[in-house]
Amino acid sequence: MPSPQHDIINQLFRDHPRLAVDILHDVMGVDVPVDRPVRVESNDFNDRPSKDFQPDTVIVVGSPREPVHGIIVEVQQEKTEAKRRQLPRYAAALWLMLRCPVTVLCVCPDADAAAWYAEPIETSLPGFVLRAVVLGPKQVPVITDLEVVAAHPELAALGVMVHGRNQEVLRTFAYALKAVEDSEHGVYYSEYAYVMATPEAQSVLRKIMASTDWPVFSPFAKEHYGRGKADGLEEGRTEGEAKGEVKSILTILAARQIEVSEDVRARICGCTDIEQLDMWLKRAAVANSVTDIFD
């Protein structure tokens, strides 16, 4: 079953499909057109009964009538031979659909998995050997420049995931959020980084966001990391934390335009279990409906 980290990485690329183009062109040196429109395409490649023939995320560069490059984004957290063997099938299926160059981009938070997926993949089709482009810890840049984070917050969020032990990376990311707080997706960046980060990096981020010496920008950071600073001081730490979690969940659902009925709102607002609320909060960041939060 996909992990929260797997889901939030995919959500990052689906919300910001141009990130895949930027990574391939600017970081990995792949010849992908950067001056064409970019869109997320359906990932359903099934043309016959199949148990699993759906890549994680499919992105197309170019107009619907004139696609110029297809990108398959696969999040791979561990070595899985069956999944590795699927990658050439995905590439072939998308090529047949688009009739243009196709690149398979594997995002691997684990260095060993990254090296493994970077190996050429032989197929039974003579001459067809797939070489996936792999974005692993070594390929994600260490970003400690405020302007770079502000210009590329999506890539910076991935940097928090793989370079979370570098506290300068975390501090720079926290400061630079101010520059993107008013952007269309600015509210999500701290959520992306937090869910993708290791538990150790999450702990550091909580301390950074909760500290009065550090700026706090996004609604999630204000309510989740900074919970207890305002309401919590008056109502007690536990109650303040719960209230902050509730506000964060409702804020994320509203920002993602997910409808919340009065019954669901009452259920969320009536919960005082911090661990339960925290789980709902993580699910809200990647949910497609309120059902996904509770089930």
Protein backbone atom coordinates (compact mmCIF):
# COMPACT_ATOMS: atom_id res chain seq x y z
CA MET A 1 0.00 0.00 0.00
CA PRO A 2 1.45 3.41 -0.94
CA SER A 3 2.88 5.40 1.95
CA PRO A 4 2.00 9.04 2.76
CA GLN A 5 5.41 10.03 1.40
CA HIS A 6 4.70 8.23 -1.89
CA ASP A 7 1.32 9.94 -2.20
CA ILE A 8 2.53 13.44 -1.38
CA ILE A 9 5.41 13.22 -3.89
CA ASN A 10 2.90 12.27 -6.59
CA GLN A 11 0.58 15.07 -5.47
CA LEU A 12 3.49 17.50 -5.78
CA PHE A 13 4.04 16.56 -9.43
CA ARG A 14 0.31 16.53 -10.22
CA ASP A 15 -0.19 19.98 -8.73
CA HIS A 16 2.99 21.30 -10.37
CA PRO A 17 3.57 19.27 -13.57
CA ARG A 18 6.17 21.73 -14.85
CA LEU A 19 8.38 20.53 -11.99
CA ALA A 20 9.01 17.33 -13.98
CA VAL A 21 10.10 19.38 -17.00
CA ASP A 22 12.37 21.58 -14.90
CA ILE A 23 14.00 18.58 -13.23
CA LEU A 24 14.62 16.79 -16.51
CA HIS A 25 15.86 19.86 -18.36
CA ASP A 26 17.71 21.81 -15.66
CA VAL A 27 18.87 19.11 -13.23
CA MET A 28 19.21 15.96 -15.33
CA GLY A 29 20.17 17.48 -18.69
CA VAL A 30 17.38 15.83 -20.71
CA ASP A 31 16.37 17.57 -23.96
CA VAL A 32 12.77 18.44 -23.06
CA PRO A 33 11.06 21.51 -24.59
CA VAL A 34 10.60 24.15 -21.89
CA ASP A 35 8.55 26.64 -23.90
CA ARG A 36 5.46 24.48 -24.41
CA PRO A 37 2.35 24.07 -22.26
CA VAL A 38 2.42 21.25 -19.71
CA ARG A 39 -0.49 19.21 -18.40
CA VAL A 40 -1.25 16.12 -16.34
CA GLU A 41 -2.62 13.27 -18.43
CA SER A 42 -4.68 10.24 -17.44
CA ASN A 43 -2.50 7.44 -16.10
CA ASP A 44 -4.88 4.66 -17.14
CA PHE A 45 -2.99 2.60 -19.72
CA ASN A 46 -5.28 -0.42 -19.56
CA ASP A 47 -6.51 -1.62 -22.93
CA ARG A 48 -7.25 -5.13 -21.71
CA PRO A 49 -7.91 -6.79 -18.32
CA SER A 50 -4.94 -6.01 -16.12
CA LYS A 51 -4.31 -5.98 -12.39
CA ASP A 52 -1.98 -3.00 -12.39
CA PHE A 53 -1.08 -1.02 -15.48
CA GLN A 54 -1.24 2.49 -14.12
CA PRO A 55 1.93 4.51 -13.57
CA ASP A 56 1.95 7.00 -10.73
CA THR A 57 1.74 10.24 -12.73
CA VAL A 58 1.70 11.01 -16.47
CA ILE A 59 2.67 14.46 -17.74
CA VAL A 60 2.52 15.66 -21.33
CA VAL A 61 4.47 18.57 -22.81
CA GLY A 62 2.76 20.30 -25.72
CA SER A 63 -0.81 20.88 -26.80
CA PRO A 64 -3.38 18.05 -26.82
CA ARG A 65 -3.18 17.91 -30.62
CA GLU A 66 0.59 18.22 -30.85
CA PRO A 67 2.30 16.54 -27.89
CA VAL A 68 6.07 16.86 -28.05
CA HIS A 69 7.22 14.88 -24.99
CA GLY A 70 5.67 12.47 -22.53
CA ILE A 71 6.89 12.06 -18.96
CA ILE A 72 6.06 9.16 -16.67
CA VAL A 73 6.79 9.97 -13.03
CA GLU A 74 7.27 6.90 -10.84
CA VAL A 75 7.94 7.16 -7.08
CA GLN A 76 10.06 4.19 -6.03
CA GLN A 77 11.01 3.92 -2.36
CA GLU A 78 12.51 0.42 -2.49
CA LYS A 79 13.80 -2.19 -4.92
CA THR A 80 10.88 -4.03 -6.51
CA GLU A 81 11.68 -6.23 -9.49
CA ALA A 82 8.06 -6.49 -10.64
CA LYS A 83 7.68 -2.71 -10.64
CA ARG A 84 11.01 -2.26 -12.41
CA ARG A 85 9.86 -4.58 -15.17
CA GLN A 86 6.72 -2.49 -15.60
CA LEU A 87 8.63 0.67 -16.51
CA PRO A 88 9.39 -0.32 -20.15
CA ARG A 89 5.72 -1.28 -20.61
CA TYR A 90 4.65 2.13 -19.31
CA ALA A 91 7.06 3.88 -21.68
CA ALA A 92 5.92 1.84 -24.68
CA ALA A 93 2.23 2.41 -23.90
CA LEU A 94 2.64 6.18 -23.62
CA TRP A 95 4.74 6.27 -26.80
CA LEU A 96 1.98 4.44 -28.65
CA MET A 97 -0.56 6.95 -27.33
CA LEU A 98 1.43 10.11 -28.06
CA ARG A 99 3.84 9.13 -30.85
CA CYS A 100 6.54 11.38 -29.41
CA PRO A 101 9.61 10.94 -27.17
CA VAL A 102 8.88 9.53 -23.71
CA THR A 103 10.98 9.77 -20.55
CA VAL A 104 10.51 7.71 -17.42
CA LEU A 105 11.46 9.77 -14.35
CA CYS A 106 11.94 7.71 -11.20
CA VAL A 107 11.93 9.67 -7.94
CA CYS A 108 13.82 7.61 -5.35
CA PRO A 109 14.29 9.01 -1.83
CA ASP A 110 16.56 6.03 -1.05
CA ALA A 111 20.06 6.09 -2.55
CA ASP A 112 20.30 2.31 -3.04
CA ALA A 113 16.94 2.21 -4.81
CA ALA A 114 18.03 5.16 -6.99
CA ALA A 115 21.17 3.34 -8.12
CA TRP A 116 19.19 0.17 -8.84
CA TYR A 117 16.52 1.86 -10.96
CA ALA A 118 19.22 3.75 -12.88
CA GLU A 119 20.52 0.46 -14.32
CA PRO A 120 19.43 -0.31 -17.91
CA ILE A 121 16.29 -2.46 -18.07
CA GLU A 122 16.42 -5.20 -20.70
CA THR A 123 13.19 -6.29 -22.40
CA SER A 124 12.15 -9.21 -24.59
CA LEU A 125 11.66 -6.79 -27.49
CA PRO A 126 14.94 -6.88 -29.46
CA GLY A 127 16.78 -3.58 -29.23
CA PHE A 128 14.47 -2.04 -26.63
CA VAL A 129 16.41 -1.24 -23.47
CA LEU A 130 14.90 1.32 -21.12
CA ARG A 131 17.14 3.70 -19.23
CA ALA A 132 15.06 5.58 -16.72
CA VAL A 133 16.10 9.02 -15.55
CA VAL A 134 16.49 8.74 -11.78
CA LEU A 135 16.17 11.60 -9.32
CA GLY A 136 17.84 10.32 -6.16
CA PRO A 137 19.43 11.99 -3.15
CA LYS A 138 22.60 12.70 -5.13
CA GLN A 139 20.67 14.44 -7.90
CA VAL A 140 18.48 16.68 -5.73
CA PRO A 141 20.46 19.89 -5.14
CA VAL A 142 21.26 21.16 -1.66
CA ILE A 143 19.50 24.54 -1.67
CA THR A 144 20.56 27.06 0.97
CA ASP A 145 19.85 30.22 -1.01
CA LEU A 146 16.64 32.08 -0.18
CA GLU A 147 16.11 33.32 -3.73
CA VAL A 148 16.54 29.85 -5.20
CA VAL A 149 13.99 28.40 -2.75
CA ALA A 150 11.54 31.19 -3.53
CA ALA A 151 11.97 30.63 -7.27
CA HIS A 152 11.77 26.82 -7.08
CA PRO A 153 9.77 25.92 -3.95
CA GLU A 154 8.71 22.52 -5.33
CA LEU A 155 12.31 21.44 -5.89
CA ALA A 156 13.21 22.89 -2.49
CA ALA A 157 10.50 20.75 -0.87
CA LEU A 158 12.12 17.67 -2.41
CA GLY A 159 15.42 18.95 -1.02
CA VAL A 160 13.93 18.96 2.47
CA MET A 161 12.95 15.33 1.94
CA VAL A 162 16.42 14.07 1.02
CA HIS A 163 18.65 16.62 2.76
CA GLY A 164 16.68 16.98 5.98
CA ARG A 165 19.78 16.34 8.11
CA ASN A 166 21.20 19.64 6.88
CA GLN A 167 19.57 22.17 9.19
CA GLU A 168 20.65 25.02 6.93
CA VAL A 169 18.43 23.51 4.22
CA LEU A 170 15.50 23.43 6.65
CA ARG A 171 16.08 26.98 7.93
CA THR A 172 16.41 28.39 4.41
CA PHE A 173 13.22 26.63 3.33
CA ALA A 174 11.32 28.01 6.34
CA TYR A 175 12.47 31.57 5.72
CA ALA A 176 11.83 31.47 1.98
CA LEU A 177 8.19 30.45 2.41
CA LYS A 178 7.40 34.11 2.95
CA ALA A 179 8.11 34.81 -0.70
CA VAL A 180 5.53 32.30 -1.89
CA GLU A 181 2.81 32.71 0.74
CA ASP A 182 0.56 34.59 -1.68
CA SER A 183 1.05 32.29 -4.67
CA GLU A 184 -1.69 29.97 -5.87
CA HIS A 185 -0.16 26.91 -4.26
CA GLY A 186 1.87 28.62 -1.56
CA VAL A 187 -0.26 27.10 1.20
CA TYR A 188 0.89 23.62 0.24
CA TYR A 189 4.67 23.89 0.26
CA SER A 190 5.15 23.39 3.99
CA GLU A 191 2.72 20.44 3.86
CA TYR A 192 4.62 18.88 0.98
CA ALA A 193 7.95 19.21 2.76
CA TYR A 194 6.67 18.06 6.15
CA VAL A 195 4.97 14.87 4.93
CA MET A 196 7.89 13.94 2.66
CA ALA A 197 10.53 14.59 5.33
CA THR A 198 12.02 12.04 7.68
CA PRO A 199 10.77 11.97 11.29
CA GLU A 200 14.01 13.66 12.39
CA ALA A 201 13.56 16.48 9.87
CA GLN A 202 9.89 16.81 10.84
CA SER A 203 10.96 17.34 14.45
CA VAL A 204 13.36 20.10 13.42
CA LEU A 205 10.72 21.73 11.22
CA ARG A 206 8.26 21.73 14.11
CA LYS A 207 10.78 23.50 16.31
CA ILE A 208 11.61 26.04 13.61
CA MET A 209 7.98 26.86 12.87
CA ALA A 210 6.93 26.93 16.50
CA SER A 211 9.75 29.21 17.64
CA THR A 212 8.88 32.87 18.09
CA ASP A 213 12.32 33.69 16.67
CA TRP A 214 11.40 32.22 13.30
CA PRO A 215 8.88 33.61 10.82
CA VAL A 216 5.79 31.47 10.21
CA PHE A 217 4.03 32.00 6.92
CA SER A 218 1.64 29.37 5.56
CA PRO A 219 -1.68 28.62 7.27
CA PHE A 220 -0.51 25.06 7.87
CA ALA A 221 2.68 26.22 9.55
CA LYS A 222 0.83 28.77 11.64
CA GLU A 223 -1.76 26.28 12.84
CA HIS A 224 0.19 23.02 12.91
CA TYR A 225 3.72 23.93 13.89
CA GLY A 226 2.75 27.03 15.79
CA ARG A 227 -0.25 25.53 17.52
CA GLY A 228 -0.51 26.44 21.13
CA LYS A 229 1.18 29.81 20.66
CA ALA A 230 -2.07 31.75 20.75
CA ASP A 231 -5.11 29.63 21.51
CA GLY A 232 -3.01 27.04 23.30
CA LEU A 233 -1.67 29.50 25.84
CA GLU A 234 -5.20 30.46 26.87
CA GLU A 235 -6.95 27.11 26.60
CA GLY A 236 -4.18 24.75 27.64
CA ARG A 237 -1.58 22.96 25.58
CA THR A 238 -3.58 19.84 24.70
CA GLU A 239 -6.75 21.67 23.78
CA GLY A 240 -4.77 24.27 21.85
CA GLU A 241 -2.97 21.60 19.84
CA ALA A 242 -6.24 19.87 18.97
CA LYS A 243 -7.81 23.15 17.91
CA GLY A 244 -4.79 23.92 15.74
CA GLU A 245 -4.98 20.49 14.09
CA VAL A 246 -8.71 20.95 13.39
CA LYS A 247 -8.14 24.36 11.82
CA SER A 248 -5.31 22.96 9.69
CA ILE A 249 -7.44 20.12 8.36
CA LEU A 250 -10.31 22.43 7.45
CA THR A 251 -7.92 24.97 5.91
CA ILE A 252 -6.33 22.36 3.66
CA LEU A 253 -9.69 20.94 2.60
CA ALA A 254 -10.95 24.42 1.78
CA ALA A 255 -7.80 25.30 -0.16
CA ARG A 256 -8.12 22.08 -2.16
CA GLN A 257 -11.82 22.81 -2.80
CA ILE A 258 -12.99 19.58 -1.17
CA GLU A 259 -16.58 19.88 0.00
CA VAL A 260 -17.11 19.34 3.73
CA SER A 261 -20.61 18.54 4.96
CA GLU A 262 -21.88 19.71 8.34
CA ASP A 263 -21.65 16.14 9.67
CA VAL A 264 -18.03 15.81 8.58
CA ARG A 265 -17.16 19.23 9.99
CA ALA A 266 -18.76 18.26 13.29
CA ARG A 267 -16.79 15.01 13.37
CA ILE A 268 -13.50 16.79 12.77
CA CYS A 269 -14.21 19.63 15.20
CA GLY A 270 -15.39 17.21 17.88
CA CYS A 271 -12.21 15.13 17.86
CA THR A 272 -9.64 15.85 20.60
CA ASP A 273 -7.31 12.91 19.91
CA ILE A 274 -4.06 14.53 18.70
CA GLU A 275 -2.77 11.38 17.01
CA GLN A 276 -6.05 10.85 15.17
CA LEU A 277 -6.17 14.48 14.07
CA ASP A 278 -2.56 14.29 12.90
CA MET A 279 -3.39 11.26 10.75
CA TRP A 280 -6.40 13.05 9.25
CA LEU A 281 -4.21 16.07 8.59
CA LYS A 282 -1.68 14.04 6.59
CA ARG A 283 -4.45 12.36 4.62
CA ALA A 284 -6.10 15.72 3.87
CA ALA A 285 -2.96 16.83 2.03
CA VAL A 286 -3.42 14.07 -0.58
CA ALA A 287 -7.15 13.23 -0.37
CA ASN A 288 -9.49 13.55 -3.32
CA SER A 289 -12.60 13.54 -1.10
CA VAL A 290 -13.45 13.57 2.59
CA THR A 291 -13.95 9.81 2.38
CA ASP A 292 -10.21 9.39 1.83
CA ILE A 293 -9.51 11.11 5.15
CA PHE A 294 -11.45 8.66 7.30
CA ASP A 295 -10.98 5.41 5.33
